[in-house]
Amino acid sequence: MNERQLQQQKFDLSGESLVVGNIDECPLSPEQLALTTAESDYVIESFDSGLTAEVFHIRVEGRDYILKKRRPQAKVQNPDGQYSFLNEVQRRADFKAVEHNPDFRHIVKTI
């Protein structure tokens, strides 16, 4: 494994949480979001072809959101596949850090 993969593995094995966004802006509780399935009444459509995540288009109180849930087991078993979802969340954290910079105004907001 390369240095980035080793750092991601260390973080993953630590059991620490990586929080990106503001819980007060979530349309549903984190617990309910974690239980979301394609059959949930607020799911408009679902996409289960992803290698590392399930993606849901949800609608709550007339507003649309995209929920991306990490697969319990990635379909790709190499280190890049195993840590791809974590890598994406880490990059979202990087974007969140610069969201008020006008040069980055077109980045989709993470809540």
PDB file of N, CA and C in Angstrom:
ATOM      1  N   MET A   1       0.841  -1.186   0.000  1.00  0.00           N
ATOM      2  CA  MET A   1       0.000   0.000   0.000  1.00  0.00           C
ATOM      3  C   MET A   1       0.881   1.242   0.000  1.00  0.00           C
ATOM      4  N   ASN A   2       0.353   2.289  -0.646  1.00  0.00           N
ATOM      5  CA  ASN A   2       1.078   3.556  -0.627  1.00  0.00           C
ATOM      6  C   ASN A   2       0.736   4.327   0.660  1.00  0.00           C
ATOM      7  N   GLU A   3       1.374   5.475   0.856  1.00  0.00           N
ATOM      8  CA  GLU A   3       1.208   6.246   2.098  1.00  0.00           C
ATOM      9  C   GLU A   3      -0.247   6.668   2.327  1.00  0.00           C
ATOM     10  N   ARG A   4      -0.924   7.146   1.271  1.00  0.00           N
ATOM     11  CA  ARG A   4      -2.329   7.560   1.410  1.00  0.00           C
ATOM     12  C   ARG A   4      -3.195   6.385   1.841  1.00  0.00           C
ATOM     13  N   GLN A   5      -3.005   5.235   1.211  1.00  0.00           N
ATOM     14  CA  GLN A   5      -3.791   4.054   1.554  1.00  0.00           C
ATOM     15  C   GLN A   5      -3.528   3.613   2.994  1.00  0.00           C
ATOM     16  N   LEU A   6      -2.280   3.684   3.421  1.00  0.00           N
ATOM     17  CA  LEU A   6      -1.945   3.324   4.799  1.00  0.00           C
ATOM     18  C   LEU A   6      -2.608   4.272   5.796  1.00  0.00           C
ATOM     19  N   GLN A   7      -2.621   5.569   5.475  1.00  0.00           N
ATOM     20  CA  GLN A   7      -3.284   6.545   6.351  1.00  0.00           C
ATOM     21  C   GLN A   7      -4.786   6.284   6.403  1.00  0.00           C
ATOM     22  N   GLN A   8      -5.381   5.962   5.249  1.00  0.00           N
ATOM     23  CA  GLN A   8      -6.816   5.679   5.223  1.00  0.00           C
ATOM     24  C   GLN A   8      -7.126   4.386   5.976  1.00  0.00           C
ATOM     25  N   GLN A   9      -6.277   3.396   5.834  1.00  0.00           N
ATOM     26  CA  GLN A   9      -6.471   2.149   6.565  1.00  0.00           C
ATOM     27  C   GLN A   9      -6.404   2.406   8.072  1.00  0.00           C
ATOM     28  N   LYS A  10      -5.428   3.189   8.499  1.00  0.00           N
ATOM     29  CA  LYS A  10      -5.286   3.518   9.922  1.00  0.00           C
ATOM     30  C   LYS A  10      -6.541   4.226  10.432  1.00  0.00           C
ATOM     31  N   PHE A  11      -7.038   5.200   9.656  1.00  0.00           N
ATOM     32  CA  PHE A  11      -8.250   5.913  10.059  1.00  0.00           C
ATOM     33  C   PHE A  11      -9.429   4.944  10.127  1.00  0.00           C
ATOM     34  N   ASP A  12      -9.590   4.110   9.111  1.00  0.00           N
ATOM     35  CA  ASP A  12     -10.704   3.163   9.049  1.00  0.00           C
ATOM     36  C   ASP A  12     -10.683   2.217  10.245  1.00  0.00           C
ATOM     37  N   LEU A  13      -9.530   1.702  10.574  1.00  0.00           N
ATOM     38  CA  LEU A  13      -9.412   0.760  11.685  1.00  0.00           C
ATOM     39  C   LEU A  13      -9.555   1.432  13.049  1.00  0.00           C
ATOM     40  N   SER A  14      -9.393   2.757  13.099  1.00  0.00           N
ATOM     41  CA  SER A  14      -9.486   3.480  14.375  1.00  0.00           C
ATOM     42  C   SER A  14     -10.915   3.542  14.909  1.00  0.00           C
ATOM     43  N   GLY A  15     -11.896   3.404  14.011  1.00  0.00           N
ATOM     44  CA  GLY A  15     -13.286   3.517  14.441  1.00  0.00           C
ATOM     45  C   GLY A  15     -13.752   4.946  14.624  1.00  0.00           C
ATOM     46  N   GLU A  16     -12.883   5.912  14.338  1.00  0.00           N
ATOM     47  CA  GLU A  16     -13.255   7.328  14.452  1.00  0.00           C
ATOM     48  C   GLU A  16     -14.301   7.684  13.399  1.00  0.00           C
ATOM     49  N   SER A  17     -15.096   8.698  13.689  1.00  0.00           N
ATOM     50  CA  SER A  17     -16.065   9.211  12.725  1.00  0.00           C
ATOM     51  C   SER A  17     -15.489  10.415  12.006  1.00  0.00           C
ATOM     52  N   LEU A  18     -15.857  10.563  10.763  1.00  0.00           N
ATOM     53  CA  LEU A  18     -15.492  11.740   9.978  1.00  0.00           C
ATOM     54  C   LEU A  18     -16.792  12.462   9.669  1.00  0.00           C
ATOM     55  N   VAL A  19     -16.994  13.621  10.266  1.00  0.00           N
ATOM     56  CA  VAL A  19     -18.233  14.372  10.098  1.00  0.00           C
ATOM     57  C   VAL A  19     -17.985  15.514   9.130  1.00  0.00           C
ATOM     58  N   VAL A  20     -18.794  15.562   8.078  1.00  0.00           N
ATOM     59  CA  VAL A  20     -18.712  16.625   7.079  1.00  0.00           C
ATOM     60  C   VAL A  20     -20.110  17.213   6.953  1.00  0.00           C
ATOM     61  N   GLY A  21     -20.224  18.501   7.050  1.00  0.00           N
ATOM     62  CA  GLY A  21     -21.532  19.137   6.942  1.00  0.00           C
ATOM     63  C   GLY A  21     -22.074  19.513   8.308  1.00  0.00           C
ATOM     64  N   ASN A  22     -23.355  19.864   8.321  1.00  0.00           N
ATOM     65  CA  ASN A  22     -24.004  20.345   9.531  1.00  0.00           C
ATOM     66  C   ASN A  22     -25.237  19.493   9.797  1.00  0.00           C
ATOM     67  N   ILE A  23     -25.244  18.791  10.899  1.00  0.00           N
ATOM     68  CA  ILE A  23     -26.355  17.904  11.238  1.00  0.00           C
ATOM     69  C   ILE A  23     -27.686  18.654  11.301  1.00  0.00           C
ATOM     70  N   ASP A  24     -27.651  19.938  11.662  1.00  0.00           N
ATOM     71  CA  ASP A  24     -28.881  20.725  11.750  1.00  0.00           C
ATOM     72  C   ASP A  24     -29.515  20.973  10.389  1.00  0.00           C
ATOM     73  N   GLU A  25     -28.754  20.797   9.318  1.00  0.00           N
ATOM     74  CA  GLU A  25     -29.286  20.993   7.972  1.00  0.00           C
ATOM     75  C   GLU A  25     -29.784  19.693   7.341  1.00  0.00           C
ATOM     76  N   CYS A  26     -29.603  18.574   8.037  1.00  0.00           N
ATOM     77  CA  CYS A  26     -30.055  17.290   7.497  1.00  0.00           C
ATOM     78  C   CYS A  26     -31.577  17.230   7.504  1.00  0.00           C
ATOM     79  N   PRO A  27     -32.167  16.746   6.421  1.00  0.00           N
ATOM     80  CA  PRO A  27     -33.620  16.670   6.354  1.00  0.00           C
ATOM     81  C   PRO A  27     -34.196  15.557   7.226  1.00  0.00           C
ATOM     82  N   LEU A  28     -33.381  14.569   7.558  1.00  0.00           N
ATOM     83  CA  LEU A  28     -33.778  13.449   8.410  1.00  0.00           C
ATOM     84  C   LEU A  28     -32.640  13.193   9.391  1.00  0.00           C
ATOM     85  N   SER A  29     -32.934  12.492  10.454  1.00  0.00           N
ATOM     86  CA  SER A  29     -31.881  12.199  11.432  1.00  0.00           C
ATOM     87  C   SER A  29     -30.837  11.272  10.813  1.00  0.00           C
ATOM     88  N   PRO A  30     -29.602  11.361  11.276  1.00  0.00           N
ATOM     89  CA  PRO A  30     -28.578  10.439  10.773  1.00  0.00           C
ATOM     90  C   PRO A  30     -28.977   8.972  10.949  1.00  0.00           C
ATOM     91  N   GLU A  31     -29.664   8.669  12.040  1.00  0.00           N
ATOM     92  CA  GLU A  31     -30.104   7.294  12.275  1.00  0.00           C
ATOM     93  C   GLU A  31     -31.075   6.840  11.189  1.00  0.00           C
ATOM     94  N   GLN A  32     -32.024   7.713  10.830  1.00  0.00           N
ATOM     95  CA  GLN A  32     -32.981   7.357   9.782  1.00  0.00           C
ATOM     96  C   GLN A  32     -32.289   7.271   8.426  1.00  0.00           C
ATOM     97  N   LEU A  33     -31.382   8.186   8.146  1.00  0.00           N
ATOM     98  CA  LEU A  33     -30.645   8.129   6.881  1.00  0.00           C
ATOM     99  C   LEU A  33     -29.866   6.820   6.774  1.00  0.00           C
ATOM    100  N   ALA A  34     -29.270   6.381   7.880  1.00  0.00           N
ATOM    101  CA  ALA A  34     -28.496   5.132   7.870  1.00  0.00           C
ATOM    102  C   ALA A  34     -29.377   3.923   7.583  1.00  0.00           C
ATOM    103  N   LEU A  35     -30.655   4.005   7.944  1.00  0.00           N
ATOM    104  CA  LEU A  35     -31.585   2.892   7.722  1.00  0.00           C
ATOM    105  C   LEU A  35     -32.268   2.949   6.360  1.00  0.00           C
ATOM    106  N   THR A  36     -31.974   3.962   5.565  1.00  0.00           N
ATOM    107  CA  THR A  36     -32.621   4.138   4.267  1.00  0.00           C
ATOM    108  C   THR A  36     -32.349   2.951   3.348  1.00  0.00           C
ATOM    109  N   THR A  37     -33.424   2.495   2.696  1.00  0.00           N
ATOM    110  CA  THR A  37     -33.329   1.460   1.664  1.00  0.00           C
ATOM    111  C   THR A  37     -34.131   1.934   0.458  1.00  0.00           C
ATOM    112  N   ALA A  38     -34.060   1.190  -0.619  1.00  0.00           N
ATOM    113  CA  ALA A  38     -34.821   1.534  -1.825  1.00  0.00           C
ATOM    114  C   ALA A  38     -36.322   1.542  -1.541  1.00  0.00           C
ATOM    115  N   GLU A  39     -36.756   0.844  -0.498  1.00  0.00           N
ATOM    116  CA  GLU A  39     -38.180   0.768  -0.162  1.00  0.00           C
ATOM    117  C   GLU A  39     -38.647   1.888   0.770  1.00  0.00           C
ATOM    118  N   SER A  40     -37.760   2.716   1.264  1.00  0.00           N
ATOM    119  CA  SER A  40     -38.155   3.811   2.160  1.00  0.00           C
ATOM    120  C   SER A  40     -39.118   4.735   1.430  1.00  0.00           C
ATOM    121  N   ASP A  41     -40.152   5.204   2.133  1.00  0.00           N
ATOM    122  CA  ASP A  41     -41.211   5.980   1.473  1.00  0.00           C
ATOM    123  C   ASP A  41     -40.751   7.325   0.919  1.00  0.00           C
ATOM    124  N   TYR A  42     -39.630   7.832   1.353  1.00  0.00           N
ATOM    125  CA  TYR A  42     -39.124   9.118   0.861  1.00  0.00           C
ATOM    126  C   TYR A  42     -38.122   8.958  -0.283  1.00  0.00           C
ATOM    127  N   VAL A  43     -37.832   7.720  -0.679  1.00  0.00           N
ATOM    128  CA  VAL A  43     -36.898   7.464  -1.781  1.00  0.00           C
ATOM    129  C   VAL A  43     -37.640   7.578  -3.109  1.00  0.00           C
ATOM    130  N   ILE A  44     -37.146   8.446  -3.988  1.00  0.00           N
ATOM    131  CA  ILE A  44     -37.724   8.649  -5.316  1.00  0.00           C
ATOM    132  C   ILE A  44     -37.141   7.637  -6.296  1.00  0.00           C
ATOM    133  N   GLU A  45     -35.838   7.457  -6.247  1.00  0.00           N
ATOM    134  CA  GLU A  45     -35.174   6.442  -7.065  1.00  0.00           C
ATOM    135  C   GLU A  45     -33.880   6.036  -6.383  1.00  0.00           C
ATOM    136  N   SER A  46     -33.420   4.848  -6.736  1.00  0.00           N
ATOM    137  CA  SER A  46     -32.176   4.359  -6.141  1.00  0.00           C
ATOM    138  C   SER A  46     -31.268   3.814  -7.229  1.00  0.00           C
ATOM    139  N   PHE A  47     -29.991   3.848  -6.933  1.00  0.00           N
ATOM    140  CA  PHE A  47     -28.968   3.387  -7.867  1.00  0.00           C
ATOM    141  C   PHE A  47     -28.054   2.455  -7.082  1.00  0.00           C
ATOM    142  N   ASP A  48     -28.068   1.192  -7.437  1.00  0.00           N
ATOM    143  CA  ASP A  48     -27.269   0.236  -6.668  1.00  0.00           C
ATOM    144  C   ASP A  48     -26.125  -0.371  -7.470  1.00  0.00           C
ATOM    145  N   SER A  49     -25.765   0.278  -8.563  1.00  0.00           N
ATOM    146  CA  SER A  49     -24.703  -0.264  -9.412  1.00  0.00           C
ATOM    147  C   SER A  49     -23.306   0.226  -9.017  1.00  0.00           C
ATOM    148  N   GLY A  50     -23.230   1.113  -8.042  1.00  0.00           N
ATOM    149  CA  GLY A  50     -21.931   1.645  -7.634  1.00  0.00           C
ATOM    150  C   GLY A  50     -21.051   0.593  -6.982  1.00  0.00           C
ATOM    151  N   LEU A  51     -19.773   0.748  -7.131  1.00  0.00           N
ATOM    152  CA  LEU A  51     -18.828  -0.227  -6.585  1.00  0.00           C
ATOM    153  C   LEU A  51     -18.614  -0.077  -5.086  1.00  0.00           C
ATOM    154  N   THR A  52     -18.794   1.147  -4.573  1.00  0.00           N
ATOM    155  CA  THR A  52     -18.503   1.374  -3.154  1.00  0.00           C
ATOM    156  C   THR A  52     -19.687   1.936  -2.372  1.00  0.00           C
ATOM    157  N   ALA A  53     -20.777   2.290  -3.064  1.00  0.00           N
ATOM    158  CA  ALA A  53     -21.892   2.931  -2.369  1.00  0.00           C
ATOM    159  C   ALA A  53     -23.218   2.660  -3.068  1.00  0.00           C
ATOM    160  N   GLU A  54     -24.293   2.838  -2.303  1.00  0.00           N
ATOM    161  CA  GLU A  54     -25.645   2.882  -2.837  1.00  0.00           C
ATOM    162  C   GLU A  54     -26.038   4.354  -2.845  1.00  0.00           C
ATOM    163  N   VAL A  55     -26.732   4.778  -3.882  1.00  0.00           N
ATOM    164  CA  VAL A  55     -27.113   6.181  -4.006  1.00  0.00           C
ATOM    165  C   VAL A  55     -28.633   6.264  -4.070  1.00  0.00           C
ATOM    166  N   PHE A  56     -29.199   7.192  -3.298  1.00  0.00           N
ATOM    167  CA  PHE A  56     -30.640   7.368  -3.246  1.00  0.00           C
ATOM    168  C   PHE A  56     -31.001   8.819  -3.534  1.00  0.00           C
ATOM    169  N   HIS A  57     -31.968   9.003  -4.413  1.00  0.00           N
ATOM    170  CA  HIS A  57     -32.586  10.315  -4.626  1.00  0.00           C
ATOM    171  C   HIS A  57     -33.755  10.334  -3.656  1.00  0.00           C
ATOM    172  N   ILE A  58     -33.695  11.218  -2.664  1.00  0.00           N
ATOM    173  CA  ILE A  58     -34.761  11.284  -1.669  1.00  0.00           C
ATOM    174  C   ILE A  58     -35.457  12.641  -1.730  1.00  0.00           C
ATOM    175  N   ARG A  59     -36.705  12.652  -1.287  1.00  0.00           N
ATOM    176  CA  ARG A  59     -37.479  13.894  -1.221  1.00  0.00           C
ATOM    177  C   ARG A  59     -38.091  13.997   0.166  1.00  0.00           C
ATOM    178  N   VAL A  60     -37.802  15.111   0.834  1.00  0.00           N
ATOM    179  CA  VAL A  60     -38.309  15.360   2.179  1.00  0.00           C
ATOM    180  C   VAL A  60     -38.886  16.763   2.200  1.00  0.00           C
ATOM    181  N   GLU A  61     -40.161  16.866   2.562  1.00  0.00           N
ATOM    182  CA  GLU A  61     -40.856  18.154   2.638  1.00  0.00           C
ATOM    183  C   GLU A  61     -40.685  18.959   1.354  1.00  0.00           C
ATOM    184  N   GLY A  62     -40.803  18.283   0.213  1.00  0.00           N
ATOM    185  CA  GLY A  62     -40.753  18.949  -1.084  1.00  0.00           C
ATOM    186  C   GLY A  62     -39.368  19.301  -1.585  1.00  0.00           C
ATOM    187  N   ARG A  63     -38.337  18.963  -0.844  1.00  0.00           N
ATOM    188  CA  ARG A  63     -36.956  19.249  -1.271  1.00  0.00           C
ATOM    189  C   ARG A  63     -36.253  17.950  -1.636  1.00  0.00           C
ATOM    190  N   ASP A  64     -35.456  18.013  -2.676  1.00  0.00           N
ATOM    191  CA  ASP A  64     -34.741  16.833  -3.151  1.00  0.00           C
ATOM    192  C   ASP A  64     -33.295  16.837  -2.668  1.00  0.00           C
ATOM    193  N   TYR A  65     -32.817  15.642  -2.352  1.00  0.00           N
ATOM    194  CA  TYR A  65     -31.452  15.440  -1.876  1.00  0.00           C
ATOM    195  C   TYR A  65     -30.905  14.162  -2.498  1.00  0.00           C
ATOM    196  N   ILE A  66     -29.603  14.035  -2.471  1.00  0.00           N
ATOM    197  CA  ILE A  66     -28.951  12.789  -2.849  1.00  0.00           C
ATOM    198  C   ILE A  66     -28.263  12.248  -1.600  1.00  0.00           C
ATOM    199  N   LEU A  67     -28.558  11.006  -1.286  1.00  0.00           N
ATOM    200  CA  LEU A  67     -27.934  10.320  -0.155  1.00  0.00           C
ATOM    201  C   LEU A  67     -27.034   9.230  -0.717  1.00  0.00           C
ATOM    202  N   LYS A  68     -25.809   9.233  -0.303  1.00  0.00           N
ATOM    203  CA  LYS A  68     -24.855   8.212  -0.736  1.00  0.00           C
ATOM    204  C   LYS A  68     -24.423   7.439   0.497  1.00  0.00           C
ATOM    205  N   LYS A  69     -24.730   6.141   0.510  1.00  0.00           N
ATOM    206  CA  LYS A  69     -24.413   5.284   1.652  1.00  0.00           C
ATOM    207  C   LYS A  69     -23.307   4.303   1.289  1.00  0.00           C
ATOM    208  N   ARG A  70     -22.326   4.247   2.118  1.00  0.00           N
ATOM    209  CA  ARG A  70     -21.216   3.311   1.921  1.00  0.00           C
ATOM    210  C   ARG A  70     -21.735   1.874   1.954  1.00  0.00           C
ATOM    211  N   ARG A  71     -21.270   1.078   1.019  1.00  0.00           N
ATOM    212  CA  ARG A  71     -21.594  -0.349   1.047  1.00  0.00           C
ATOM    213  C   ARG A  71     -20.860  -0.985   2.232  1.00  0.00           C
ATOM    214  N   PRO A  72     -21.497  -1.951   2.892  1.00  0.00           N
ATOM    215  CA  PRO A  72     -20.790  -2.648   3.978  1.00  0.00           C
ATOM    216  C   PRO A  72     -19.498  -3.307   3.480  1.00  0.00           C
ATOM    217  N   GLN A  73     -19.537  -3.790   2.250  1.00  0.00           N
ATOM    218  CA  GLN A  73     -18.371  -4.415   1.626  1.00  0.00           C
ATOM    219  C   GLN A  73     -18.275  -3.880   0.200  1.00  0.00           C
ATOM    220  N   ALA A  74     -17.196  -3.191  -0.118  1.00  0.00           N
ATOM    221  CA  ALA A  74     -17.009  -2.664  -1.475  1.00  0.00           C
ATOM    222  C   ALA A  74     -16.931  -3.816  -2.464  1.00  0.00           C
ATOM    223  N   LYS A  75     -17.429  -3.574  -3.674  1.00  0.00           N
ATOM    224  CA  LYS A  75     -17.372  -4.598  -4.717  1.00  0.00           C
ATOM    225  C   LYS A  75     -15.971  -4.737  -5.297  1.00  0.00           C
ATOM    226  N   VAL A  76     -15.114  -3.769  -5.028  1.00  0.00           N
ATOM    227  CA  VAL A  76     -13.717  -3.819  -5.461  1.00  0.00           C
ATOM    228  C   VAL A  76     -12.881  -4.077  -4.212  1.00  0.00           C
ATOM    229  N   GLN A  77     -12.073  -5.109  -4.233  1.00  0.00           N
ATOM    230  CA  GLN A  77     -11.375  -5.524  -3.024  1.00  0.00           C
ATOM    231  C   GLN A  77      -9.941  -5.027  -2.895  1.00  0.00           C
ATOM    232  N   ASN A  78      -9.435  -4.309  -3.889  1.00  0.00           N
ATOM    233  CA  ASN A  78      -8.076  -3.784  -3.737  1.00  0.00           C
ATOM    234  C   ASN A  78      -8.116  -2.559  -2.809  1.00  0.00           C
ATOM    235  N   PRO A  79      -6.970  -2.096  -2.314  1.00  0.00           N
ATOM    236  CA  PRO A  79      -6.971  -0.966  -1.366  1.00  0.00           C
ATOM    237  C   PRO A  79      -7.680   0.284  -1.898  1.00  0.00           C
ATOM    238  N   ASP A  80      -7.503   0.609  -3.170  1.00  0.00           N
ATOM    239  CA  ASP A  80      -8.192   1.789  -3.704  1.00  0.00           C
ATOM    240  C   ASP A  80      -9.701   1.605  -3.657  1.00  0.00           C
ATOM    241  N   GLY A  81     -10.177   0.425  -3.957  1.00  0.00           N
ATOM    242  CA  GLY A  81     -11.609   0.147  -3.893  1.00  0.00           C
ATOM    243  C   GLY A  81     -12.125   0.175  -2.474  1.00  0.00           C
ATOM    244  N   GLN A  82     -11.376  -0.423  -1.569  1.00  0.00           N
ATOM    245  CA  GLN A  82     -11.799  -0.483  -0.173  1.00  0.00           C
ATOM    246  C   GLN A  82     -11.905   0.901   0.455  1.00  0.00           C
ATOM    247  N   TYR A  83     -11.030   1.815   0.057  1.00  0.00           N
ATOM    248  CA  TYR A  83     -11.002   3.137   0.682  1.00  0.00           C
ATOM    249  C   TYR A  83     -11.523   4.245  -0.220  1.00  0.00           C
ATOM    250  N   SER A  84     -12.136   3.887  -1.322  1.00  0.00           N
ATOM    251  CA  SER A  84     -12.654   4.874  -2.266  1.00  0.00           C
ATOM    252  C   SER A  84     -13.724   5.759  -1.630  1.00  0.00           C
ATOM    253  N   PHE A  85     -14.654   5.163  -0.883  1.00  0.00           N
ATOM    254  CA  PHE A  85     -15.714   5.952  -0.256  1.00  0.00           C
ATOM    255  C   PHE A  85     -15.123   6.893   0.792  1.00  0.00           C
ATOM    256  N   LEU A  86     -14.217   6.392   1.606  1.00  0.00           N
ATOM    257  CA  LEU A  86     -13.547   7.241   2.599  1.00  0.00           C
ATOM    258  C   LEU A  86     -12.816   8.381   1.909  1.00  0.00           C
ATOM    259  N   ASN A  87     -12.136   8.089   0.820  1.00  0.00           N
ATOM    260  CA  ASN A  87     -11.424   9.120   0.065  1.00  0.00           C
ATOM    261  C   ASN A  87     -12.390  10.210  -0.400  1.00  0.00           C
ATOM    262  N   GLU A  88     -13.561   9.800  -0.877  1.00  0.00           N
ATOM    263  CA  GLU A  88     -14.551  10.777  -1.333  1.00  0.00           C
ATOM    264  C   GLU A  88     -15.026  11.667  -0.185  1.00  0.00           C
ATOM    265  N   VAL A  89     -15.290  11.083   0.961  1.00  0.00           N
ATOM    266  CA  VAL A  89     -15.730  11.873   2.118  1.00  0.00           C
ATOM    267  C   VAL A  89     -14.612  12.813   2.575  1.00  0.00           C
ATOM    268  N   GLN A  90     -13.391  12.341   2.556  1.00  0.00           N
ATOM    269  CA  GLN A  90     -12.270  13.211   2.920  1.00  0.00           C
ATOM    270  C   GLN A  90     -12.151  14.387   1.952  1.00  0.00           C
ATOM    271  N   ARG A  91     -12.370  14.165   0.678  1.00  0.00           N
ATOM    272  CA  ARG A  91     -12.320  15.264  -0.295  1.00  0.00           C
ATOM    273  C   ARG A  91     -13.487  16.224  -0.061  1.00  0.00           C
ATOM    274  N   ARG A  92     -14.657  15.706   0.316  1.00  0.00           N
ATOM    275  CA  ARG A  92     -15.797  16.573   0.652  1.00  0.00           C
ATOM    276  C   ARG A  92     -15.431  17.462   1.837  1.00  0.00           C
ATOM    277  N   ALA A  93     -14.713  16.929   2.793  1.00  0.00           N
ATOM    278  CA  ALA A  93     -14.258  17.735   3.936  1.00  0.00           C
ATOM    279  C   ALA A  93     -13.331  18.846   3.456  1.00  0.00           C
ATOM    280  N   ASP A  94     -12.470  18.532   2.490  1.00  0.00           N
ATOM    281  CA  ASP A  94     -11.594  19.559   1.914  1.00  0.00           C
ATOM    282  C   ASP A  94     -12.419  20.657   1.244  1.00  0.00           C
ATOM    283  N   PHE A  95     -13.449  20.260   0.488  1.00  0.00           N
ATOM    284  CA  PHE A  95     -14.317  21.240  -0.181  1.00  0.00           C
ATOM    285  C   PHE A  95     -15.046  22.098   0.846  1.00  0.00           C
ATOM    286  N   LYS A  96     -15.527  21.469   1.919  1.00  0.00           N
ATOM    287  CA  LYS A  96     -16.251  22.197   2.964  1.00  0.00           C
ATOM    288  C   LYS A  96     -15.372  23.297   3.556  1.00  0.00           C
ATOM    289  N   ALA A  97     -14.091  23.027   3.660  1.00  0.00           N
ATOM    290  CA  ALA A  97     -13.159  23.995   4.244  1.00  0.00           C
ATOM    291  C   ALA A  97     -13.004  25.248   3.389  1.00  0.00           C
ATOM    292  N   VAL A  98     -13.323  25.162   2.100  1.00  0.00           N
ATOM    293  CA  VAL A  98     -13.153  26.317   1.203  1.00  0.00           C
ATOM    294  C   VAL A  98     -14.479  26.784   0.593  1.00  0.00           C
ATOM    295  N   GLU A  99     -15.608  26.332   1.140  1.00  0.00           N
ATOM    296  CA  GLU A  99     -16.897  26.622   0.513  1.00  0.00           C
ATOM    297  C   GLU A  99     -17.236  28.116   0.455  1.00  0.00           C
ATOM    298  N   HIS A 100     -16.661  28.921   1.311  1.00  0.00           N
ATOM    299  CA  HIS A 100     -16.962  30.358   1.290  1.00  0.00           C
ATOM    300  C   HIS A 100     -16.032  31.144   0.371  1.00  0.00           C
ATOM    301  N   ASN A 101     -15.082  30.476  -0.218  1.00  0.00           N
ATOM    302  CA  ASN A 101     -14.180  31.103  -1.179  1.00  0.00           C
ATOM    303  C   ASN A 101     -14.929  31.242  -2.508  1.00  0.00           C
ATOM    304  N   PRO A 102     -15.046  32.460  -3.065  1.00  0.00           N
ATOM    305  CA  PRO A 102     -15.793  32.660  -4.311  1.00  0.00           C
ATOM    306  C   PRO A 102     -15.283  31.812  -5.479  1.00  0.00           C
ATOM    307  N   ASP A 103     -14.031  31.422  -5.445  1.00  0.00           N
ATOM    308  CA  ASP A 103     -13.496  30.580  -6.518  1.00  0.00           C
ATOM    309  C   ASP A 103     -14.127  29.191  -6.531  1.00  0.00           C
ATOM    310  N   PHE A 104     -14.770  28.810  -5.434  1.00  0.00           N
ATOM    311  CA  PHE A 104     -15.358  27.475  -5.324  1.00  0.00           C
ATOM    312  C   PHE A 104     -16.881  27.525  -5.185  1.00  0.00           C
ATOM    313  N   ARG A 105     -17.513  28.573  -5.643  1.00  0.00           N
ATOM    314  CA  ARG A 105     -18.950  28.758  -5.437  1.00  0.00           C
ATOM    315  C   ARG A 105     -19.819  27.742  -6.175  1.00  0.00           C
ATOM    316  N   HIS A 106     -19.285  27.027  -7.138  1.00  0.00           N
ATOM    317  CA  HIS A 106     -20.086  26.080  -7.913  1.00  0.00           C
ATOM    318  C   HIS A 106     -20.023  24.657  -7.366  1.00  0.00           C
ATOM    319  N   ILE A 107     -19.340  24.451  -6.278  1.00  0.00           N
ATOM    320  CA  ILE A 107     -19.284  23.123  -5.669  1.00  0.00           C
ATOM    321  C   ILE A 107     -20.612  22.859  -4.975  1.00  0.00           C
ATOM    322  N   VAL A 108     -21.168  21.679  -5.199  1.00  0.00           N
ATOM    323  CA  VAL A 108     -22.441  21.303  -4.590  1.00  0.00           C
ATOM    324  C   VAL A 108     -22.267  21.213  -3.079  1.00  0.00           C
ATOM    325  N   LYS A 109     -23.213  21.796  -2.361  1.00  0.00           N
ATOM    326  CA  LYS A 109     -23.148  21.860  -0.905  1.00  0.00           C
ATOM    327  C   LYS A 109     -23.324  20.473  -0.286  1.00  0.00           C
ATOM    328  N   THR A 110     -22.539  20.195   0.722  1.00  0.00           N
ATOM    329  CA  THR A 110     -22.670  18.972   1.507  1.00  0.00           C
ATOM    330  C   THR A 110     -23.345  19.335   2.816  1.00  0.00           C
ATOM    331  N   ILE A 111     -24.435  18.594   3.142  1.00  0.00           N
ATOM    332  CA  ILE A 111     -25.106  18.860   4.427  1.00  0.00           C
ATOM    333  C   ILE A 111     -25.025  17.653   5.328  1.00  0.00           C
TER     334      ILE A 111
END
